[in-house]
Protein backbone atom coordinates (compact mmCIF):
# COMPACT_ATOMS: atom_id res chain seq x y z
CA MET A 1 0.00 0.00 0.00
CA LEU A 2 2.68 2.51 0.90
CA GLY A 3 4.60 1.54 -2.22
CA GLY A 4 1.68 2.59 -4.36
CA LEU A 5 1.37 5.90 -2.48
CA GLY A 6 5.09 6.53 -2.90
CA LYS A 7 4.79 5.90 -6.62
CA LEU A 8 1.83 8.30 -6.87
CA ALA A 9 3.72 10.92 -4.84
CA ALA A 10 6.76 10.56 -7.10
CA GLU A 11 4.62 10.89 -10.22
CA GLY A 12 2.89 13.96 -8.76
CA LEU A 13 6.25 15.49 -7.86
CA ALA A 14 7.58 14.74 -11.36
CA HIS A 15 4.49 16.33 -12.93
CA ARG A 16 4.77 19.47 -10.77
CA THR A 17 8.49 19.69 -11.52
CA GLU A 18 7.81 19.41 -15.24
CA LYS A 19 5.14 22.13 -15.07
CA ALA A 20 7.41 24.40 -13.04
CA THR A 21 10.23 23.84 -15.54
CA GLU A 22 7.91 24.69 -18.46
CA GLU A 23 6.78 27.87 -16.69
CA ALA A 24 10.40 28.83 -16.01
CA VAL A 25 11.31 28.23 -19.65
CA HIS A 26 8.39 30.42 -20.79
CA ALA A 27 9.42 33.14 -18.34
CA VAL A 28 13.02 33.06 -19.61
CA GLU A 29 11.80 33.13 -23.21
CA GLY A 30 9.74 36.21 -22.40
CA VAL A 31 12.70 37.96 -20.79
CA VAL A 32 15.01 37.06 -23.70
CA LYS A 33 12.42 38.33 -26.19
CA GLU A 34 12.11 41.62 -24.31
CA VAL A 35 15.89 42.03 -24.05
CA LEU A 36 16.25 41.37 -27.79
CA GLU A 37 13.55 43.93 -28.57
CA HIS A 38 15.34 46.54 -26.46
CA ALA A 39 18.67 45.65 -28.08
CA LYS A 40 17.12 45.98 -31.53
CA GLU A 41 15.63 49.37 -30.67
CA ALA A 42 18.95 50.55 -29.22
CA GLY A 43 20.80 49.31 -32.29
CA GLU A 44 18.38 51.03 -34.65
CA LYS A 45 18.73 54.26 -32.69
CA ALA A 46 22.53 54.01 -32.74
CA VAL A 47 22.51 53.49 -36.52
CA ALA A 48 20.10 56.39 -37.03
CA ASP A 49 22.23 58.65 -34.83
CA ALA A 50 25.40 57.65 -36.68
CA LEU A 51 23.76 58.31 -40.05
CA LYS A 52 22.50 61.70 -38.84
CA LYS A 53 25.98 62.65 -37.63
CA ALA A 54 27.50 61.54 -40.94
CA GLN A 55 24.91 63.55 -42.86
CA ASP A 56 25.51 66.63 -40.69
CA SER A 57 29.25 66.24 -41.15
CA GLY A 58 28.84 65.85 -44.91
CA GLU A 59 26.66 68.94 -45.08
CA LYS A 60 29.28 70.90 -43.14
CA VAL A 61 32.02 69.73 -45.52
CA VAL A 62 29.93 70.75 -48.54
CA LYS A 63 29.23 74.15 -46.97
CA ASP A 64 32.93 74.69 -46.16
CA VAL A 65 34.06 73.63 -49.64
CA THR A 66 31.42 75.83 -51.27
CA ALA A 67 32.56 78.81 -49.20
CA THR A 68 36.21 78.15 -50.03
CA VAL A 69 35.50 77.80 -53.75
CA THR A 70 33.33 80.93 -53.72
CA GLU A 71 36.08 82.92 -51.99
CA ALA A 72 38.71 81.60 -54.41
CA VAL A 73 36.62 82.43 -57.49
CA THR A 74 35.71 85.86 -56.11
CA GLY A 75 39.38 86.55 -55.40
CA ALA A 76 40.44 85.37 -58.86
CA VAL A 77 37.80 87.53 -60.56
CA ALA A 78 38.76 90.55 -58.46
CA HIS A 79 42.43 89.99 -59.28
CA ALA A 80 41.63 89.68 -62.99
CA VAL A 81 39.61 92.91 -62.89
CA GLU A 82 42.48 94.67 -61.15
CA GLY A 83 44.84 93.35 -63.81
CA LEU A 84 42.72 94.86 -66.54
CA GLY A 85 42.98 98.26 -64.95
CA PRO A 86 40.61 100.97 -66.08
CA ARG A 87 39.48 98.85 -69.05
CA GLY A 88 37.94 96.22 -66.74
CA GLN A 89 35.76 98.70 -64.99
């Protein structure tokens, strides 16, 4: 009689252990999913920030080059006009 109760108790314990393990696995899966979502969002934000910085930097370079070229052309034209003397005016 006690052998049968022991077997039932062991089976019950095994069943509860299996259920608890399944619940733990589901909980860990949920945490991993959430962590991956946060990592993805952080990665997307980092990429977007890096692209924005690169774009801003590129725009600054274009602005600086444009200003330099404009100054050089203006200087060259002014020098050419001066070289022509009264005829260039």
